PDB file of N, CA and C in Angstrom:
ATOM      1  N   GLN A   1     223.297 172.660 126.978  1.00  0.00           N
ATOM      2  CA  GLN A   1     224.695 172.762 126.584  1.00  0.00           C
ATOM      3  C   GLN A   1     225.417 171.462 126.922  1.00  0.00           C
ATOM      4  N   VAL A   2     225.986 170.855 125.901  1.00  0.00           N
ATOM      5  CA  VAL A   2     226.703 169.596 126.104  1.00  0.00           C
ATOM      6  C   VAL A   2     228.000 169.846 126.865  1.00  0.00           C
ATOM      7  N   GLN A   3     228.207 169.060 127.897  1.00  0.00           N
ATOM      8  CA  GLN A   3     229.466 169.114 128.645  1.00  0.00           C
ATOM      9  C   GLN A   3     229.966 167.710 128.903  1.00  0.00           C
ATOM     10  N   LEU A   4     231.268 167.542 128.718  1.00  0.00           N
ATOM     11  CA  LEU A   4     231.944 166.284 129.016  1.00  0.00           C
ATOM     12  C   LEU A   4     233.142 166.616 129.893  1.00  0.00           C
ATOM     13  N   VAL A   5     233.202 166.014 131.060  1.00  0.00           N
ATOM     14  CA  VAL A   5     234.268 166.328 132.016  1.00  0.00           C
ATOM     15  C   VAL A   5     234.978 165.045 132.430  1.00  0.00           C
ATOM     16  N   GLU A   6     236.245 164.943 132.015  1.00  0.00           N
ATOM     17  CA  GLU A   6     237.045 163.765 132.349  1.00  0.00           C
ATOM     18  C   GLU A   6     237.728 163.942 133.703  1.00  0.00           C
ATOM     19  N   SER A   7     237.981 162.820 134.348  1.00  0.00           N
ATOM     20  CA  SER A   7     238.737 162.820 135.598  1.00  0.00           C
ATOM     21  C   SER A   7     239.390 161.461 135.781  1.00  0.00           C
ATOM     22  N   GLY A   8     240.326 161.406 136.724  1.00  0.00           N
ATOM     23  CA  GLY A   8     240.943 160.134 137.064  1.00  0.00           C
ATOM     24  C   GLY A   8     242.358 159.933 136.567  1.00  0.00           C
ATOM     25  N   GLY A   9     242.872 160.873 135.792  1.00  0.00           N
ATOM     26  CA  GLY A   9     244.240 160.743 135.307  1.00  0.00           C
ATOM     27  C   GLY A   9     245.253 160.957 136.413  1.00  0.00           C
ATOM     28  N   GLY A  10     246.504 160.681 136.080  1.00  0.00           N
ATOM     29  CA  GLY A  10     247.568 160.863 137.057  1.00  0.00           C
ATOM     30  C   GLY A  10     248.818 160.140 136.645  1.00  0.00           C
ATOM     31  N   LEU A  11     249.746 160.050 137.596  1.00  0.00           N
ATOM     32  CA  LEU A  11     251.014 159.366 137.381  1.00  0.00           C
ATOM     33  C   LEU A  11     250.912 157.950 137.935  1.00  0.00           C
ATOM     34  N   VAL A  12     251.299 156.983 137.127  1.00  0.00           N
ATOM     35  CA  VAL A  12     251.244 155.586 137.553  1.00  0.00           C
ATOM     36  C   VAL A  12     252.473 154.864 137.027  1.00  0.00           C
ATOM     37  N   GLN A  13     252.931 153.871 137.764  1.00  0.00           N
ATOM     38  CA  GLN A  13     254.084 153.092 137.329  1.00  0.00           C
ATOM     39  C   GLN A  13     253.688 152.080 136.263  1.00  0.00           C
ATOM     40  N   PRO A  14     254.629 151.676 135.431  1.00  0.00           N
ATOM     41  CA  PRO A  14     254.329 150.621 134.457  1.00  0.00           C
ATOM     42  C   PRO A  14     253.777 149.379 135.155  1.00  0.00           C
ATOM     43  N   GLY A  15     252.749 148.813 134.535  1.00  0.00           N
ATOM     44  CA  GLY A  15     252.065 147.665 135.128  1.00  0.00           C
ATOM     45  C   GLY A  15     250.912 148.036 136.030  1.00  0.00           C
ATOM     46  N   GLY A  16     250.785 149.306 136.331  1.00  0.00           N
ATOM     47  CA  GLY A  16     249.727 149.769 137.213  1.00  0.00           C
ATOM     48  C   GLY A  16     248.395 149.963 136.510  1.00  0.00           C
ATOM     49  N   SER A  17     247.431 150.463 137.275  1.00  0.00           N
ATOM     50  CA  SER A  17     246.067 150.645 136.776  1.00  0.00           C
ATOM     51  C   SER A  17     245.543 152.038 137.116  1.00  0.00           C
ATOM     52  N   LEU A  18     244.646 152.491 136.273  1.00  0.00           N
ATOM     53  CA  LEU A  18     243.896 153.720 136.520  1.00  0.00           C
ATOM     54  C   LEU A  18     242.494 153.534 135.978  1.00  0.00           C
ATOM     55  N   ARG A  19     241.565 154.273 136.570  1.00  0.00           N
ATOM     56  CA  ARG A  19     240.189 154.283 136.072  1.00  0.00           C
ATOM     57  C   ARG A  19     239.802 155.719 135.762  1.00  0.00           C
ATOM     58  N   LEU A  20     239.531 155.963 134.494  1.00  0.00           N
ATOM     59  CA  LEU A  20     239.091 157.280 134.058  1.00  0.00           C
ATOM     60  C   LEU A  20     237.564 157.346 134.053  1.00  0.00           C
ATOM     61  N   SER A  21     237.052 158.532 134.329  1.00  0.00           N
ATOM     62  CA  SER A  21     235.617 158.772 134.273  1.00  0.00           C
ATOM     63  C   SER A  21     235.345 159.972 133.382  1.00  0.00           C
ATOM     64  N   CYS A  22     234.189 159.958 132.751  1.00  0.00           N
ATOM     65  CA  CYS A  22     233.738 161.096 131.949  1.00  0.00           C
ATOM     66  C   CYS A  22     232.282 161.350 132.313  1.00  0.00           C
ATOM     67  N   ALA A  23     232.038 162.468 132.974  1.00  0.00           N
ATOM     68  CA  ALA A  23     230.685 162.848 133.363  1.00  0.00           C
ATOM     69  C   ALA A  23     230.061 163.695 132.263  1.00  0.00           C
ATOM     70  N   ALA A  24     228.901 163.274 131.790  1.00  0.00           N
ATOM     71  CA  ALA A  24     228.234 163.937 130.679  1.00  0.00           C
ATOM     72  C   ALA A  24     226.981 164.661 131.139  1.00  0.00           C
ATOM     73  N   SER A  25     226.685 165.763 130.469  1.00  0.00           N
ATOM     74  CA  SER A  25     225.459 166.503 130.758  1.00  0.00           C
ATOM     75  C   SER A  25     225.049 167.293 129.524  1.00  0.00           C
ATOM     76  N   GLY A  26     223.784 167.704 129.505  1.00  0.00           N
ATOM     77  CA  GLY A  26     223.298 168.536 128.413  1.00  0.00           C
ATOM     78  C   GLY A  26     222.732 167.792 127.230  1.00  0.00           C
ATOM     79  N   PHE A  27     222.666 166.461 127.320  1.00  0.00           N
ATOM     80  CA  PHE A  27     222.061 165.671 126.247  1.00  0.00           C
ATOM     81  C   PHE A  27     221.548 164.359 126.845  1.00  0.00           C
ATOM     82  N   THR A  28     220.753 163.654 126.061  1.00  0.00           N
ATOM     83  CA  THR A  28     220.175 162.387 126.532  1.00  0.00           C
ATOM     84  C   THR A  28     221.233 161.307 126.394  1.00  0.00           C
ATOM     85  N   PHE A  29     221.928 161.084 127.465  1.00  0.00           N
ATOM     86  CA  PHE A  29     223.144 160.266 127.462  1.00  0.00           C
ATOM     87  C   PHE A  29     222.921 158.869 126.904  1.00  0.00           C
ATOM     88  N   ASP A  30     221.840 158.235 127.287  1.00  0.00           N
ATOM     89  CA  ASP A  30     221.684 156.824 126.915  1.00  0.00           C
ATOM     90  C   ASP A  30     221.301 156.627 125.452  1.00  0.00           C
ATOM     91  N   ARG A  31     221.200 157.693 124.688  1.00  0.00           N
ATOM     92  CA  ARG A  31     220.881 157.572 123.263  1.00  0.00           C
ATOM     93  C   ARG A  31     222.121 157.569 122.372  1.00  0.00           C
ATOM     94  N   TYR A  32     223.290 157.826 122.959  1.00  0.00           N
ATOM     95  CA  TYR A  32     224.466 158.037 122.128  1.00  0.00           C
ATOM     96  C   TYR A  32     225.636 157.141 122.528  1.00  0.00           C
ATOM     97  N   ALA A  33     226.360 156.686 121.502  1.00  0.00           N
ATOM     98  CA  ALA A  33     227.611 156.000 121.758  1.00  0.00           C
ATOM     99  C   ALA A  33     228.609 156.989 122.368  1.00  0.00           C
ATOM    100  N   MET A  34     229.519 156.446 123.131  1.00  0.00           N
ATOM    101  CA  MET A  34     230.558 157.266 123.765  1.00  0.00           C
ATOM    102  C   MET A  34     231.935 156.702 123.414  1.00  0.00           C
ATOM    103  N   ASN A  35     232.888 157.602 123.356  1.00  0.00           N
ATOM    104  CA  ASN A  35     234.227 157.240 122.903  1.00  0.00           C
ATOM    105  C   ASN A  35     235.306 157.794 123.829  1.00  0.00           C
ATOM    106  N   TRP A  36     236.391 157.037 123.939  1.00  0.00           N
ATOM    107  CA  TRP A  36     237.614 157.540 124.559  1.00  0.00           C
ATOM    108  C   TRP A  36     238.686 157.627 123.473  1.00  0.00           C
ATOM    109  N   TYR A  37     239.319 158.783 123.404  1.00  0.00           N
ATOM    110  CA  TYR A  37     240.453 159.015 122.528  1.00  0.00           C
ATOM    111  C   TYR A  37     241.667 159.351 123.391  1.00  0.00           C
ATOM    112  N   ARG A  38     242.821 159.315 122.773  1.00  0.00           N
ATOM    113  CA  ARG A  38     244.026 159.777 123.463  1.00  0.00           C
ATOM    114  C   ARG A  38     244.979 160.417 122.465  1.00  0.00           C
ATOM    115  N   GLN A  39     245.808 161.304 123.009  1.00  0.00           N
ATOM    116  CA  GLN A  39     246.843 161.936 122.198  1.00  0.00           C
ATOM    117  C   GLN A  39     248.125 161.959 122.999  1.00  0.00           C
ATOM    118  N   GLY A  40     249.074 161.155 122.550  1.00  0.00           N
ATOM    119  CA  GLY A  40     250.375 161.096 123.206  1.00  0.00           C
ATOM    120  C   GLY A  40     251.288 162.198 122.703  1.00  0.00           C
ATOM    121  N   PRO A  41     252.414 162.416 123.396  1.00  0.00           N
ATOM    122  CA  PRO A  41     253.352 163.463 122.987  1.00  0.00           C
ATOM    123  C   PRO A  41     253.855 163.241 121.561  1.00  0.00           C
ATOM    124  N   GLY A  42     253.672 164.239 120.725  1.00  0.00           N
ATOM    125  CA  GLY A  42     254.127 164.157 119.345  1.00  0.00           C
ATOM    126  C   GLY A  42     253.330 163.217 118.473  1.00  0.00           C
ATOM    127  N   LYS A  43     252.183 162.785 118.947  1.00  0.00           N
ATOM    128  CA  LYS A  43     251.363 161.840 118.180  1.00  0.00           C
ATOM    129  C   LYS A  43     250.019 162.448 117.827  1.00  0.00           C
ATOM    130  N   GLU A  44     249.362 161.832 116.862  1.00  0.00           N
ATOM    131  CA  GLU A  44     248.011 162.250 116.508  1.00  0.00           C
ATOM    132  C   GLU A  44     247.004 161.655 117.498  1.00  0.00           C
ATOM    133  N   ARG A  45     245.874 162.306 117.609  1.00  0.00           N
ATOM    134  CA  ARG A  45     244.819 161.779 118.464  1.00  0.00           C
ATOM    135  C   ARG A  45     244.282 160.488 117.858  1.00  0.00           C
ATOM    136  N   GLU A  46     244.069 159.494 118.701  1.00  0.00           N
ATOM    137  CA  GLU A  46     243.595 158.196 118.214  1.00  0.00           C
ATOM    138  C   GLU A  46     242.442 157.687 119.068  1.00  0.00           C
ATOM    139  N   LEU A  47     241.577 156.905 118.413  1.00  0.00           N
ATOM    140  CA  LEU A  47     240.470 156.284 119.122  1.00  0.00           C
ATOM    141  C   LEU A  47     240.993 155.115 119.953  1.00  0.00           C
ATOM    142  N   VAL A  48     240.631 155.093 121.211  1.00  0.00           N
ATOM    143  CA  VAL A  48     241.044 154.028 122.124  1.00  0.00           C
ATOM    144  C   VAL A  48     239.943 152.999 122.309  1.00  0.00           C
ATOM    145  N   ALA A  49     238.723 153.482 122.578  1.00  0.00           N
ATOM    146  CA  ALA A  49     237.625 152.564 122.854  1.00  0.00           C
ATOM    147  C   ALA A  49     236.306 153.264 122.599  1.00  0.00           C
ATOM    148  N   ARG A  50     235.308 152.447 122.300  1.00  0.00           N
ATOM    149  CA  ARG A  50     233.980 152.964 121.994  1.00  0.00           C
ATOM    150  C   ARG A  50     232.945 152.036 122.591  1.00  0.00           C
ATOM    151  N   ILE A  51     231.831 152.607 123.038  1.00  0.00           N
ATOM    152  CA  ILE A  51     230.736 151.802 123.568  1.00  0.00           C
ATOM    153  C   ILE A  51     229.433 152.341 123.017  1.00  0.00           C
ATOM    154  N   THR A  52     228.583 151.449 122.511  1.00  0.00           N
ATOM    155  CA  THR A  52     227.320 151.875 121.940  1.00  0.00           C
ATOM    156  C   THR A  52     226.331 152.259 123.034  1.00  0.00           C
ATOM    157  N   SER A  53     225.226 152.828 122.593  1.00  0.00           N
ATOM    158  CA  SER A  53     224.293 153.426 123.546  1.00  0.00           C
ATOM    159  C   SER A  53     223.456 152.383 124.266  1.00  0.00           C
ATOM    160  N   ARG A  54     222.671 151.629 123.500  1.00  0.00           N
ATOM    161  CA  ARG A  54     221.664 150.796 124.149  1.00  0.00           C
ATOM    162  C   ARG A  54     222.220 149.478 124.646  1.00  0.00           C
ATOM    163  N   PHE A  55     222.991 148.799 123.811  1.00  0.00           N
ATOM    164  CA  PHE A  55     223.422 147.448 124.174  1.00  0.00           C
ATOM    165  C   PHE A  55     224.838 147.389 124.727  1.00  0.00           C
ATOM    166  N   GLY A  56     225.513 148.518 124.719  1.00  0.00           N
ATOM    167  CA  GLY A  56     226.843 148.547 125.315  1.00  0.00           C
ATOM    168  C   GLY A  56     227.864 147.710 124.570  1.00  0.00           C
ATOM    169  N   ILE A  57     227.742 147.645 123.259  1.00  0.00           N
ATOM    170  CA  ILE A  57     228.732 146.918 122.464  1.00  0.00           C
ATOM    171  C   ILE A  57     230.020 147.736 122.426  1.00  0.00           C
ATOM    172  N   THR A  58     231.133 147.050 122.620  1.00  0.00           N
ATOM    173  CA  THR A  58     232.412 147.755 122.750  1.00  0.00           C
ATOM    174  C   THR A  58     233.369 147.424 121.616  1.00  0.00           C
ATOM    175  N   ASN A  59     234.235 148.379 121.322  1.00  0.00           N
ATOM    176  CA  ASN A  59     235.321 148.197 120.358  1.00  0.00           C
ATOM    177  C   ASN A  59     236.573 148.852 120.926  1.00  0.00           C
ATOM    178  N   TYR A  60     237.730 148.254 120.589  1.00  0.00           N
ATOM    179  CA  TYR A  60     238.985 148.751 121.139  1.00  0.00           C
ATOM    180  C   TYR A  60     240.056 148.848 120.056  1.00  0.00           C
ATOM    181  N   ALA A  61     240.962 149.778 120.269  1.00  0.00           N
ATOM    182  CA  ALA A  61     242.160 149.797 119.445  1.00  0.00           C
ATOM    183  C   ALA A  61     242.986 148.555 119.760  1.00  0.00           C
ATOM    184  N   ASP A  62     243.676 148.053 118.751  1.00  0.00           N
ATOM    185  CA  ASP A  62     244.471 146.833 118.942  1.00  0.00           C
ATOM    186  C   ASP A  62     245.493 147.016 120.067  1.00  0.00           C
ATOM    187  N   SER A  63     246.005 148.217 120.205  1.00  0.00           N
ATOM    188  CA  SER A  63     247.066 148.468 121.178  1.00  0.00           C
ATOM    189  C   SER A  63     246.604 148.350 122.626  1.00  0.00           C
ATOM    190  N   VAL A  64     245.285 148.377 122.861  1.00  0.00           N
ATOM    191  CA  VAL A  64     244.790 148.326 124.244  1.00  0.00           C
ATOM    192  C   VAL A  64     243.904 147.107 124.509  1.00  0.00           C
ATOM    193  N   LYS A  65     243.640 146.307 123.501  1.00  0.00           N
ATOM    194  CA  LYS A  65     242.777 145.135 123.685  1.00  0.00           C
ATOM    195  C   LYS A  65     243.341 144.218 124.767  1.00  0.00           C
ATOM    196  N   GLY A  66     242.455 143.776 125.637  1.00  0.00           N
ATOM    197  CA  GLY A  66     242.865 142.884 126.716  1.00  0.00           C
ATOM    198  C   GLY A  66     243.402 143.611 127.938  1.00  0.00           C
ATOM    199  N   ARG A  67     243.633 144.916 127.816  1.00  0.00           N
ATOM    200  CA  ARG A  67     244.154 145.699 128.953  1.00  0.00           C
ATOM    201  C   ARG A  67     243.163 146.769 129.409  1.00  0.00           C
ATOM    202  N   PHE A  68     242.444 147.357 128.472  1.00  0.00           N
ATOM    203  CA  PHE A  68     241.500 148.431 128.793  1.00  0.00           C
ATOM    204  C   PHE A  68     240.071 147.920 128.670  1.00  0.00           C
ATOM    205  N   THR A  69     239.190 148.475 129.481  1.00  0.00           N
ATOM    206  CA  THR A  69     237.768 148.142 129.421  1.00  0.00           C
ATOM    207  C   THR A  69     236.944 149.420 129.505  1.00  0.00           C
ATOM    208  N   ILE A  70     236.095 149.629 128.510  1.00  0.00           N
ATOM    209  CA  ILE A  70     235.178 150.762 128.530  1.00  0.00           C
ATOM    210  C   ILE A  70     233.825 150.278 129.048  1.00  0.00           C
ATOM    211  N   SER A  71     233.181 151.115 129.840  1.00  0.00           N
ATOM    212  CA  SER A  71     231.853 150.787 130.350  1.00  0.00           C
ATOM    213  C   SER A  71     231.085 152.088 130.549  1.00  0.00           C
ATOM    214  N   ARG A  72     229.796 151.953 130.803  1.00  0.00           N
ATOM    215  CA  ARG A  72     228.982 153.146 131.004  1.00  0.00           C
ATOM    216  C   ARG A  72     227.920 152.873 132.047  1.00  0.00           C
ATOM    217  N   ASP A  73     227.541 153.938 132.747  1.00  0.00           N
ATOM    218  CA  ASP A  73     226.431 153.892 133.695  1.00  0.00           C
ATOM    219  C   ASP A  73     225.417 154.931 133.225  1.00  0.00           C
ATOM    220  N   ASN A  74     224.373 154.460 132.575  1.00  0.00           N
ATOM    221  CA  ASN A  74     223.394 155.392 132.005  1.00  0.00           C
ATOM    222  C   ASN A  74     222.571 156.107 133.079  1.00  0.00           C
ATOM    223  N   ARG A  75     222.525 155.540 134.286  1.00  0.00           N
ATOM    224  CA  ARG A  75     221.807 156.224 135.363  1.00  0.00           C
ATOM    225  C   ARG A  75     222.580 157.424 135.871  1.00  0.00           C
ATOM    226  N   LYS A  76     223.916 157.341 135.770  1.00  0.00           N
ATOM    227  CA  LYS A  76     224.774 158.417 136.262  1.00  0.00           C
ATOM    228  C   LYS A  76     225.359 159.261 135.143  1.00  0.00           C
ATOM    229  N   ASN A  77     224.957 158.975 133.900  1.00  0.00           N
ATOM    230  CA  ASN A  77     225.469 159.734 132.741  1.00  0.00           C
ATOM    231  C   ASN A  77     226.992 159.782 132.725  1.00  0.00           C
ATOM    232  N   THR A  78     227.593 158.625 132.924  1.00  0.00           N
ATOM    233  CA  THR A  78     229.050 158.559 133.035  1.00  0.00           C
ATOM    234  C   THR A  78     229.582 157.383 132.230  1.00  0.00           C
ATOM    235  N   VAL A  79     230.702 157.615 131.572  1.00  0.00           N
ATOM    236  CA  VAL A  79     231.416 156.548 130.880  1.00  0.00           C
ATOM    237  C   VAL A  79     232.792 156.403 131.537  1.00  0.00           C
ATOM    238  N   PHE A  80     233.255 155.169 131.600  1.00  0.00           N
ATOM    239  CA  PHE A  80     234.495 154.854 132.308  1.00  0.00           C
ATOM    240  C   PHE A  80     235.496 154.198 131.357  1.00  0.00           C
ATOM    241  N   LEU A  81     236.753 154.314 131.717  1.00  0.00           N
ATOM    242  CA  LEU A  81     237.793 153.565 131.033  1.00  0.00           C
ATOM    243  C   LEU A  81     238.712 152.981 132.099  1.00  0.00           C
ATOM    244  N   GLN A  82     238.595 151.679 132.283  1.00  0.00           N
ATOM    245  CA  GLN A  82     239.478 150.975 133.205  1.00  0.00           C
ATOM    246  C   GLN A  82     240.733 150.572 132.449  1.00  0.00           C
ATOM    247  N   MET A  83     241.876 151.006 132.937  1.00  0.00           N
ATOM    248  CA  MET A  83     243.141 150.766 132.250  1.00  0.00           C
ATOM    249  C   MET A  83     244.051 149.955 133.159  1.00  0.00           C
ATOM    250  N   ASN A  84     244.372 148.754 132.714  1.00  0.00           N
ATOM    251  CA  ASN A  84     245.249 147.858 133.473  1.00  0.00           C
ATOM    252  C   ASN A  84     246.531 147.604 132.697  1.00  0.00           C
ATOM    253  N   SER A  85     247.513 147.075 133.391  1.00  0.00           N
ATOM    254  CA  SER A  85     248.801 146.735 132.770  1.00  0.00           C
ATOM    255  C   SER A  85     249.327 147.884 131.922  1.00  0.00           C
ATOM    256  N   LEU A  86     249.330 149.044 132.510  1.00  0.00           N
ATOM    257  CA  LEU A  86     249.716 150.249 131.769  1.00  0.00           C
ATOM    258  C   LEU A  86     251.181 150.210 131.373  1.00  0.00           C
ATOM    259  N   LYS A  87     251.436 150.778 130.193  1.00  0.00           N
ATOM    260  CA  LYS A  87     252.774 150.832 129.621  1.00  0.00           C
ATOM    261  C   LYS A  87     253.171 152.285 129.413  1.00  0.00           C
ATOM    262  N   PRO A  88     254.464 152.556 129.339  1.00  0.00           N
ATOM    263  CA  PRO A  88     254.888 153.941 129.090  1.00  0.00           C
ATOM    264  C   PRO A  88     254.262 154.526 127.824  1.00  0.00           C
ATOM    265  N   GLU A  89     254.045 153.693 126.819  1.00  0.00           N
ATOM    266  CA  GLU A  89     253.459 154.192 125.576  1.00  0.00           C
ATOM    267  C   GLU A  89     251.982 154.546 125.706  1.00  0.00           C
ATOM    268  N   ASP A  90     251.369 154.245 126.847  1.00  0.00           N
ATOM    269  CA  ASP A  90     249.998 154.689 127.111  1.00  0.00           C
ATOM    270  C   ASP A  90     249.948 156.123 127.614  1.00  0.00           C
ATOM    271  N   THR A  91     251.106 156.712 127.859  1.00  0.00           N
ATOM    272  CA  THR A  91     251.148 158.102 128.307  1.00  0.00           C
ATOM    273  C   THR A  91     250.504 159.004 127.267  1.00  0.00           C
ATOM    274  N   ALA A  92     249.517 159.773 127.700  1.00  0.00           N
ATOM    275  CA  ALA A  92     248.757 160.611 126.775  1.00  0.00           C
ATOM    276  C   ALA A  92     247.744 161.439 127.552  1.00  0.00           C
ATOM    277  N   VAL A  93     247.171 162.404 126.859  1.00  0.00           N
ATOM    278  CA  VAL A  93     245.958 163.046 127.348  1.00  0.00           C
ATOM    279  C   VAL A  93     244.788 162.239 126.811  1.00  0.00           C
ATOM    280  N   TYR A  94     243.910 161.843 127.701  1.00  0.00           N
ATOM    281  CA  TYR A  94     242.751 161.024 127.334  1.00  0.00           C
ATOM    282  C   TYR A  94     241.507 161.909 127.293  1.00  0.00           C
ATOM    283  N   TYR A  95     240.783 161.784 126.193  1.00  0.00           N
ATOM    284  CA  TYR A  95     239.617 162.617 125.942  1.00  0.00           C
ATOM    285  C   TYR A  95     238.359 161.744 125.793  1.00  0.00           C
ATOM    286  N   CYS A  96     237.275 162.275 126.273  1.00  0.00           N
ATOM    287  CA  CYS A  96     235.958 161.701 126.081  1.00  0.00           C
ATOM    288  C   CYS A  96     235.306 162.434 124.908  1.00  0.00           C
ATOM    289  N   LYS A  97     234.614 161.699 124.043  1.00  0.00           N
ATOM    290  CA  LYS A  97     233.959 162.315 122.898  1.00  0.00           C
ATOM    291  C   LYS A  97     232.587 161.720 122.652  1.00  0.00           C
ATOM    292  N   ALA A  98     231.661 162.583 122.280  1.00  0.00           N
ATOM    293  CA  ALA A  98     230.333 162.145 121.866  1.00  0.00           C
ATOM    294  C   ALA A  98     230.005 162.776 120.513  1.00  0.00           C
ATOM    295  N   LEU A  99     229.414 161.977 119.648  1.00  0.00           N
ATOM    296  CA  LEU A  99     228.915 162.476 118.366  1.00  0.00           C
ATOM    297  C   LEU A  99     227.407 162.627 118.496  1.00  0.00           C
ATOM    298  N   ILE A 100     226.949 163.854 118.499  1.00  0.00           N
ATOM    299  CA  ILE A 100     225.530 164.136 118.741  1.00  0.00           C
ATOM    300  C   ILE A 100     224.987 164.925 117.570  1.00  0.00           C
ATOM    301  N   ASP A 101     224.046 164.313 116.864  1.00  0.00           N
ATOM    302  CA  ASP A 101     223.382 164.984 115.739  1.00  0.00           C
ATOM    303  C   ASP A 101     224.395 165.582 114.765  1.00  0.00           C
ATOM    304  N   GLY A 102     225.403 164.800 114.436  1.00  0.00           N
ATOM    305  CA  GLY A 102     226.376 165.189 113.439  1.00  0.00           C
ATOM    306  C   GLY A 102     227.501 166.083 113.919  1.00  0.00           C
ATOM    307  N   MET A 103     227.531 166.392 115.201  1.00  0.00           N
ATOM    308  CA  MET A 103     228.576 167.273 115.733  1.00  0.00           C
ATOM    309  C   MET A 103     229.364 166.546 116.827  1.00  0.00           C
ATOM    310  N   ASP A 104     230.685 166.696 116.773  1.00  0.00           N
ATOM    311  CA  ASP A 104     231.550 166.119 117.787  1.00  0.00           C
ATOM    312  C   ASP A 104     231.663 167.051 118.988  1.00  0.00           C
ATOM    313  N   TYR A 105     231.518 166.460 120.166  1.00  0.00           N
ATOM    314  CA  TYR A 105     231.718 167.179 121.413  1.00  0.00           C
ATOM    315  C   TYR A 105     232.837 166.494 122.184  1.00  0.00           C
ATOM    316  N   TRP A 106     233.784 167.306 122.660  1.00  0.00           N
ATOM    317  CA  TRP A 106     234.956 166.793 123.352  1.00  0.00           C
ATOM    318  C   TRP A 106     235.046 167.361 124.766  1.00  0.00           C
ATOM    319  N   GLY A 107     235.583 166.545 125.652  1.00  0.00           N
ATOM    320  CA  GLY A 107     235.979 167.072 126.939  1.00  0.00           C
ATOM    321  C   GLY A 107     237.342 167.725 126.826  1.00  0.00           C
ATOM    322  N   LYS A 108     237.833 168.270 127.944  1.00  0.00           N
ATOM    323  CA  LYS A 108     239.125 168.947 127.934  1.00  0.00           C
ATOM    324  C   LYS A 108     240.287 167.984 128.145  1.00  0.00           C
ATOM    325  N   GLY A 109     239.972 166.761 128.543  1.00  0.00           N
ATOM    326  CA  GLY A 109     241.001 165.743 128.680  1.00  0.00           C
ATOM    327  C   GLY A 109     241.549 165.608 130.079  1.00  0.00           C
ATOM    328  N   THR A 110     242.151 164.437 130.322  1.00  0.00           N
ATOM    329  CA  THR A 110     242.829 164.169 131.577  1.00  0.00           C
ATOM    330  C   THR A 110     244.154 163.482 131.251  1.00  0.00           C
ATOM    331  N   LEU A 111     245.220 163.928 131.886  1.00  0.00           N
ATOM    332  CA  LEU A 111     246.557 163.458 131.573  1.00  0.00           C
ATOM    333  C   LEU A 111     246.881 162.168 132.329  1.00  0.00           C
ATOM    334  N   VAL A 112     247.338 161.189 131.576  1.00  0.00           N
ATOM    335  CA  VAL A 112     247.829 159.935 132.147  1.00  0.00           C
ATOM    336  C   VAL A 112     249.316 159.817 131.826  1.00  0.00           C
ATOM    337  N   THR A 113     250.114 159.659 132.847  1.00  0.00           N
ATOM    338  CA  THR A 113     251.550 159.510 132.671  1.00  0.00           C
ATOM    339  C   THR A 113     251.972 158.180 133.277  1.00  0.00           C
ATOM    340  N   VAL A 114     252.570 157.337 132.451  1.00  0.00           N
ATOM    341  CA  VAL A 114     253.036 156.027 132.900  1.00  0.00           C
ATOM    342  C   VAL A 114     254.557 156.058 132.919  1.00  0.00           C
ATOM    343  N   SER A 115     255.112 156.042 134.112  1.00  0.00           N
ATOM    344  CA  SER A 115     256.563 156.194 134.247  1.00  0.00           C
ATOM    345  C   SER A 115     257.011 155.663 135.597  1.00  0.00           C
ATOM    346  N   SER A 116     258.221 155.132 135.603  1.00  0.00           N
ATOM    347  CA  SER A 116     258.794 154.675 136.869  1.00  0.00           C
ATOM    348  C   SER A 116     259.665 155.773 137.492  1.00  0.00           C
TER     349      SER A 116
END
């Protein structure tokens, strides 16, 4: 059974940093690309960052380039999202997603609130 469990969200001031984690289980983690999405208040869910399986090639939404870094530890079946220079508009629920054999699997999300 595929499970994705996010953690690390919280309240942070503008300009601050957070590191999100997504612990994966139930599938061969190092065979699949992993994704971070977010959904802000009143907004549609959007792709934030993606990392490929074997070579760790990364892609980012323009809005987070230079501030966020996605990485993975295949030994620990975990994907991370390091978020620096956070802005109020980064406030959202952040979700981990894996596409496995044609099916999307989502975690339940972790809330990030950027506010002074």
